[in-house]
Amino acid sequence: MVAGSNIRHKKLATSNRISAYLLHHLQSLRFSLRKIYEAPATTIMTVAVIGITLSLPGGFYLFLKNIDAISGDFRSSSQISLFLDLDLSEKQARALDKKIAKIELVDSTRFISRDKSLEDFRQDSGFGKSIDTLSTNPLPHTIIVEPVEADTFAVRNLLKSLQAMPEVKIAKLDTEWLERLYTIIEIARRSVAIITILFACAVLLIIGNTIRLDIQNRYQEIIVTKLIGATDAFIRRPFLYGGVWYGLLGGIISWLIVEIGYLAISGPLERLNLLYKSDMNLITFSFHDFIILITSSTLLGLAGSWIAVARHLNQIEPT
């Protein structure tokens, strides 16, 4: 009976400790929010600076995301254009087209005769009268080759084999410019990663400095709390939650800044779509992106406040 009573007392004591621990966390959360609410000037300035700081890498991220969306559709269409010898007749060119279509690495081919090329050029260029004065057709027969593989290495090997054919004057890979574009995008992506790290460090410094000032303002309160036996963990919690609130609110502000910025340029983009008869649509933050942004800003707030509290709280001791 005594053993059973002791076990129940231990369970009850453990339950009470957990309840008290969770209750203090809830009280610290509410206390830190009230402190932020009672200092609106400091809160607004701190949150605004954090929001502006985080909006820059966020905006660059969305810019790269839109560029990827615009250029991504071209990566799968690695067409090879074969410009044939001018002395080649149409019959010989069509025979070559059938021969190339049977190659294992070729998915399909499309033959464009020199007469069709000239007619298309006449309609699209606006130089119809000048073209009519030409004594001969200067354009060659063309074969458009669609490779089976989208892999760059396989496509380039196919390009070399087609270029080696005696009937082919010029073999051109239409996505060479896209490879250069993707190289530039990769450089921009790494630059954005570096910028993000730098601005994350700036947010840590901003929140850390704010929490440091808060600790200094509550110097006497911390001294009294330590005199009555409070632990460092007990004193630390409200400051940590304060950093969490700053990071959370700063993340929301940065999201609003980026969304408003992209909304501001949506009008000119629609006019550009009408002029070029295109269907470009801006990609903004998805729900997944929003969660990552808010989580990252909140964790930065927690980390910044933890660094500030760990450095300055230990320096405050009752004399």
Protein backbone atom coordinates (compact mmCIF):
# COMPACT_ATOMS: atom_id res chain seq x y z
CA MET A 1 0.00 0.00 0.00
CA VAL A 2 2.79 2.38 0.93
CA ALA A 3 4.69 1.58 -2.29
CA GLY A 4 1.54 2.18 -4.36
CA SER A 5 0.90 5.47 -2.58
CA ASN A 6 4.49 6.61 -3.26
CA ILE A 7 4.13 5.78 -6.98
CA ARG A 8 0.89 7.79 -7.17
CA HIS A 9 2.55 10.73 -5.40
CA LYS A 10 5.51 10.60 -7.82
CA LYS A 11 3.18 10.51 -10.84
CA LEU A 12 1.17 13.38 -9.44
CA ALA A 13 4.32 15.39 -8.72
CA THR A 14 5.61 14.74 -12.26
CA SER A 15 2.25 15.75 -13.72
CA ASN A 16 2.23 18.93 -11.66
CA ARG A 17 5.77 19.81 -12.81
CA ILE A 18 4.83 19.31 -16.47
CA SER A 19 1.66 21.38 -16.02
CA ALA A 20 3.62 24.16 -14.29
CA TYR A 21 6.27 24.05 -17.04
CA LEU A 22 3.69 24.34 -19.82
CA LEU A 23 1.76 27.01 -17.91
CA HIS A 24 4.88 29.15 -17.58
CA HIS A 25 5.56 28.79 -21.31
CA LEU A 26 2.03 29.99 -22.01
CA GLN A 27 2.42 32.87 -19.56
CA SER A 28 5.79 33.80 -21.11
CA LEU A 29 4.21 33.77 -24.56
CA ARG A 30 1.42 36.11 -23.46
CA PHE A 31 3.80 38.29 -21.44
CA SER A 32 6.19 38.75 -24.38
CA LEU A 33 3.29 39.61 -26.70
CA ARG A 34 2.01 42.19 -24.21
CA LYS A 35 5.49 43.74 -23.94
CA ILE A 36 5.64 44.07 -27.72
CA TYR A 37 2.16 45.59 -27.78
CA GLU A 38 3.09 48.10 -25.07
CA ALA A 39 6.08 49.36 -27.09
CA PRO A 40 4.49 50.05 -30.50
CA ALA A 41 7.24 52.36 -31.81
CA THR A 42 10.02 49.85 -31.16
CA THR A 43 7.90 46.99 -32.44
CA ILE A 44 6.89 48.71 -35.67
CA MET A 45 10.44 49.79 -36.49
CA THR A 46 11.95 46.40 -35.69
CA VAL A 47 9.30 44.43 -37.57
CA ALA A 48 9.48 46.80 -40.56
CA VAL A 49 13.27 46.48 -40.79
CA ILE A 50 13.04 42.69 -40.55
CA GLY A 51 10.27 42.60 -43.17
CA ILE A 52 12.20 44.78 -45.63
CA THR A 53 15.38 42.78 -45.06
CA LEU A 54 13.66 39.43 -45.68
CA SER A 55 11.65 40.74 -48.65
CA LEU A 56 14.81 41.23 -50.74
CA PRO A 57 15.90 37.56 -50.88
CA GLY A 58 12.22 36.60 -51.09
CA GLY A 59 11.75 38.83 -54.14
CA PHE A 60 14.91 37.47 -55.79
CA TYR A 61 13.69 33.93 -55.12
CA LEU A 62 10.38 34.61 -56.87
CA PHE A 63 12.20 36.30 -59.76
CA LEU A 64 14.29 33.16 -60.33
CA LYS A 65 11.21 31.00 -59.95
CA ASN A 66 9.45 32.95 -62.72
CA ILE A 67 12.52 32.77 -64.97
CA ASP A 68 12.67 29.00 -64.44
CA ALA A 69 8.98 28.71 -65.33
CA ILE A 70 9.38 30.75 -68.52
CA SER A 71 12.48 28.93 -69.77
CA GLY A 72 11.68 25.48 -68.37
CA ASP A 73 9.41 24.47 -71.25
CA PHE A 74 12.24 24.89 -73.75
CA ARG A 75 14.61 22.45 -72.03
CA SER A 76 12.61 19.45 -73.19
CA SER A 77 12.48 20.63 -76.83
CA SER A 78 16.11 20.18 -77.93
CA GLN A 79 15.54 20.54 -81.64
CA ILE A 80 18.34 20.16 -84.17
CA SER A 81 18.04 22.15 -87.39
CA LEU A 82 19.84 20.66 -90.42
CA PHE A 83 20.49 23.06 -93.29
CA LEU A 84 21.27 20.96 -96.38
CA ASP A 85 23.60 21.63 -99.27
CA LEU A 86 22.16 24.01 -101.87
CA ASP A 87 22.97 21.57 -104.68
CA LEU A 88 20.77 18.89 -103.12
CA SER A 89 17.48 18.28 -104.96
CA GLU A 90 14.18 18.00 -103.12
CA LYS A 91 13.99 14.29 -103.88
CA GLN A 92 17.44 13.70 -102.39
CA ALA A 93 16.58 15.88 -99.39
CA ARG A 94 13.38 13.92 -98.68
CA ALA A 95 15.30 10.66 -98.95
CA LEU A 96 17.78 11.98 -96.42
CA ASP A 97 14.88 12.98 -94.16
CA LYS A 98 13.56 9.39 -94.22
CA LYS A 99 17.05 8.06 -93.53
CA ILE A 100 17.53 10.34 -90.49
CA ALA A 101 14.07 9.44 -89.15
CA LYS A 102 15.19 5.80 -88.87
CA ILE A 103 18.13 6.65 -86.59
CA GLU A 104 17.66 5.18 -83.10
CA LEU A 105 18.22 8.45 -81.22
CA VAL A 106 15.74 10.39 -83.40
CA ASP A 107 12.14 10.64 -82.27
CA SER A 108 10.74 12.45 -85.33
CA THR A 109 11.72 14.68 -88.22
CA ARG A 110 10.05 17.48 -90.16
CA PHE A 111 11.08 18.37 -93.69
CA ILE A 112 10.86 21.98 -94.92
CA SER A 113 11.52 22.49 -98.60
CA ARG A 114 13.45 25.51 -99.80
CA ASP A 115 10.35 26.80 -101.64
CA LYS A 116 8.32 26.58 -98.42
CA SER A 117 11.12 28.34 -96.49
CA LEU A 118 11.17 31.16 -99.04
CA GLU A 119 7.39 31.54 -98.92
CA ASP A 120 7.38 31.65 -95.12
CA PHE A 121 10.17 34.23 -95.17
CA ARG A 122 8.26 36.32 -97.70
CA GLN A 123 5.17 36.40 -95.45
CA ASP A 124 6.96 36.95 -92.14
CA SER A 125 9.69 39.39 -93.14
CA GLY A 126 7.65 41.98 -95.04
CA PHE A 127 10.26 42.07 -97.85
CA GLY A 128 8.00 40.38 -100.41
CA LYS A 129 8.79 42.77 -103.27
CA SER A 130 12.52 42.59 -102.68
CA ILE A 131 12.41 38.78 -102.56
CA ASP A 132 10.57 38.67 -105.88
CA THR A 133 13.55 40.36 -107.54
CA LEU A 134 15.86 37.44 -106.64
CA SER A 135 16.86 35.29 -109.61
CA THR A 136 17.38 32.15 -107.49
CA ASN A 137 16.21 30.85 -104.13
CA PRO A 138 19.09 31.35 -101.64
CA LEU A 139 17.50 29.21 -98.91
CA PRO A 140 18.37 25.50 -98.47
CA HIS A 141 16.16 22.53 -97.70
CA THR A 142 15.81 22.12 -93.94
CA ILE A 143 15.21 19.11 -91.69
CA ILE A 144 14.04 19.65 -88.10
CA VAL A 145 15.12 16.73 -85.91
CA GLU A 146 13.48 15.93 -82.55
CA PRO A 147 15.82 13.76 -80.42
CA VAL A 148 14.46 10.96 -78.28
CA GLU A 149 16.64 11.92 -75.32
CA ALA A 150 16.58 15.35 -73.65
CA ASP A 151 19.97 14.64 -72.10
CA THR A 152 22.48 17.26 -73.25
CA PHE A 153 25.32 14.76 -73.77
CA ALA A 154 23.19 12.42 -75.95
CA VAL A 155 21.81 15.31 -78.00
CA ARG A 156 25.29 16.70 -78.67
CA ASN A 157 26.52 13.27 -79.81
CA LEU A 158 23.58 13.10 -82.19
CA LEU A 159 24.41 16.61 -83.41
CA LYS A 160 27.99 15.56 -84.23
CA SER A 161 26.86 12.48 -86.14
CA LEU A 162 24.37 14.49 -88.19
CA GLN A 163 26.91 17.22 -88.88
CA ALA A 164 29.26 14.57 -90.30
CA MET A 165 26.80 13.67 -93.08
CA PRO A 166 28.03 14.98 -96.45
CA GLU A 167 24.58 16.31 -97.42
CA VAL A 168 24.40 18.52 -94.29
CA LYS A 169 25.93 21.97 -94.66
CA ILE A 170 25.13 23.28 -91.16
CA ALA A 171 23.74 21.48 -88.09
CA LYS A 172 22.47 23.81 -85.39
CA LEU A 173 21.31 22.87 -81.90
CA ASP A 174 18.45 25.29 -81.15
CA THR A 175 18.90 25.17 -77.37
CA GLU A 176 22.52 26.27 -77.19
CA TRP A 177 21.32 29.73 -76.15
CA LEU A 178 19.18 28.11 -73.46
CA GLU A 179 22.19 26.34 -71.98
CA ARG A 180 23.89 29.71 -71.65
CA LEU A 181 20.74 31.09 -70.04
CA TYR A 182 20.66 28.26 -67.50
CA THR A 183 24.31 28.89 -66.69
CA ILE A 184 23.48 32.53 -65.99
CA ILE A 185 20.48 31.46 -63.89
CA GLU A 186 22.71 29.10 -61.88
CA ILE A 187 25.09 31.97 -61.17
CA ALA A 188 22.12 34.13 -60.12
CA ARG A 189 20.77 31.32 -57.93
CA ARG A 190 24.07 31.01 -56.05
CA SER A 191 24.23 34.78 -55.71
CA VAL A 192 20.73 34.77 -54.19
CA ALA A 193 21.84 32.04 -51.76
CA ILE A 194 24.75 34.22 -50.64
CA ILE A 195 22.47 37.27 -50.33
CA THR A 196 19.97 35.21 -48.30
CA ILE A 197 22.69 34.13 -45.86
CA LEU A 198 23.91 37.71 -45.46
CA PHE A 199 20.41 39.08 -44.86
CA ALA A 200 19.67 36.22 -42.44
CA CYS A 201 22.74 37.32 -40.45
CA ALA A 202 21.41 40.89 -40.58
CA VAL A 203 18.08 39.72 -39.12
CA LEU A 204 19.95 37.91 -36.33
CA LEU A 205 21.78 41.15 -35.50
CA ILE A 206 18.58 43.23 -35.61
CA ILE A 207 16.66 40.92 -33.29
CA GLY A 208 19.67 40.36 -31.06
CA ASN A 209 20.16 44.09 -30.60
CA THR A 210 16.45 44.60 -29.85
CA ILE A 211 16.47 41.84 -27.23
CA ARG A 212 19.70 43.26 -25.75
CA LEU A 213 18.04 46.64 -25.27
CA ASP A 214 15.03 44.91 -23.70
CA ILE A 215 17.32 43.10 -21.25
CA GLN A 216 19.01 46.37 -20.30
CA ASN A 217 15.63 48.07 -19.76
CA ARG A 218 14.56 45.26 -17.43
CA TYR A 219 17.87 45.10 -15.56
CA GLN A 220 16.42 45.75 -12.11
CA GLU A 221 13.52 43.35 -12.72
CA ILE A 222 15.97 40.58 -13.66
CA ILE A 223 18.06 41.27 -10.52
CA VAL A 224 15.01 40.98 -8.28
CA THR A 225 13.85 37.82 -10.04
CA LYS A 226 17.25 36.20 -9.53
CA LEU A 227 17.26 37.20 -5.84
CA ILE A 228 14.06 35.27 -5.21
CA GLY A 229 15.57 32.15 -6.77
CA ALA A 230 14.46 32.18 -10.41
CA THR A 231 16.63 30.15 -12.77
CA ASP A 232 18.17 31.49 -15.94
CA ALA A 233 15.82 29.30 -18.01
CA PHE A 234 12.81 30.86 -16.23
CA ILE A 235 14.06 34.40 -16.94
CA ARG A 236 15.13 33.54 -20.49
CA ARG A 237 11.75 32.33 -21.79
CA PRO A 238 9.94 35.69 -22.19
CA PHE A 239 12.90 37.09 -24.15
CA LEU A 240 13.02 34.04 -26.42
CA TYR A 241 9.30 34.32 -27.11
CA GLY A 242 9.82 38.01 -27.82
CA GLY A 243 12.33 37.07 -30.54
CA VAL A 244 9.84 34.55 -31.92
CA TRP A 245 7.16 37.24 -32.18
CA TYR A 246 9.55 39.64 -33.92
CA GLY A 247 10.57 36.96 -36.42
CA LEU A 248 6.99 35.86 -37.08
CA LEU A 249 5.68 39.39 -37.62
CA GLY A 250 8.72 40.30 -39.74
CA GLY A 251 8.11 37.26 -41.95
CA ILE A 252 4.47 38.25 -42.48
CA ILE A 253 5.51 41.81 -43.37
CA SER A 254 8.11 40.54 -45.87
CA TRP A 255 5.47 38.31 -47.50
CA LEU A 256 3.10 41.28 -47.81
CA ILE A 257 5.85 43.48 -49.32
CA VAL A 258 6.72 40.90 -51.98
CA GLU A 259 3.07 40.18 -52.82
CA ILE A 260 2.26 43.89 -53.13
CA GLY A 261 5.35 44.40 -55.31
CA TYR A 262 4.36 41.62 -57.71
CA LEU A 263 0.77 42.86 -57.72
CA ALA A 264 2.07 46.29 -58.77
CA ILE A 265 3.74 44.87 -61.89
CA SER A 266 0.87 42.56 -62.85
CA GLY A 267 -0.84 45.40 -64.78
CA PRO A 268 2.12 46.13 -67.09
CA LEU A 269 2.60 42.38 -67.56
CA GLU A 270 -0.97 41.99 -68.81
CA ARG A 271 -0.40 44.80 -71.31
CA LEU A 272 2.82 43.07 -72.41
CA ASN A 273 0.85 39.83 -72.93
CA LEU A 274 -1.60 41.68 -75.16
CA LEU A 275 1.18 43.28 -77.22
CA TYR A 276 3.06 40.03 -77.77
CA LYS A 277 -0.02 37.77 -77.72
CA SER A 278 1.60 35.63 -75.03
CA ASP A 279 0.34 34.00 -71.88
CA MET A 280 2.95 34.84 -69.25
CA ASN A 281 1.69 34.69 -65.66
CA LEU A 282 3.61 35.81 -62.59
CA ILE A 283 4.27 33.11 -60.01
CA THR A 284 3.91 34.35 -56.45
CA PHE A 285 4.46 32.59 -53.13
CA SER A 286 2.75 29.22 -52.91
CA PHE A 287 1.41 27.99 -49.58
CA HIS A 288 4.55 25.87 -49.22
CA ASP A 289 6.76 28.91 -49.89
CA PHE A 290 4.77 30.95 -47.38
CA ILE A 291 5.21 28.31 -44.67
CA ILE A 292 8.96 28.13 -45.36
CA LEU A 293 9.26 31.93 -45.20
CA ILE A 294 7.33 32.24 -41.93
CA THR A 295 9.11 29.27 -40.35
CA SER A 296 12.53 30.60 -41.37
CA SER A 297 11.83 34.10 -40.07
CA THR A 298 10.48 32.70 -36.78
CA LEU A 299 13.54 30.48 -36.32
CA LEU A 300 15.79 33.46 -37.08
CA GLY A 301 13.93 35.41 -34.40
CA LEU A 302 14.40 32.59 -31.91
CA ALA A 303 18.10 32.22 -32.78
CA GLY A 304 18.76 35.96 -32.56
CA SER A 305 17.06 36.26 -29.17
CA TRP A 306 18.84 33.15 -27.87
CA ILE A 307 22.25 34.56 -28.82
CA ALA A 308 21.47 37.90 -27.17
CA VAL A 309 20.06 36.33 -23.99
CA ALA A 310 22.92 33.83 -23.66
CA ARG A 311 25.46 36.62 -23.97
CA HIS A 312 23.91 39.31 -21.77
CA LEU A 313 21.80 37.46 -19.21
CA ASN A 314 24.79 35.77 -17.59
CA GLN A 315 26.38 39.17 -17.06
CA ILE A 316 23.55 40.23 -14.77
CA GLU A 317 24.11 38.92 -11.25
CA PRO A 318 22.88 40.22 -7.89
CA THR A 319 25.64 41.94 -5.88
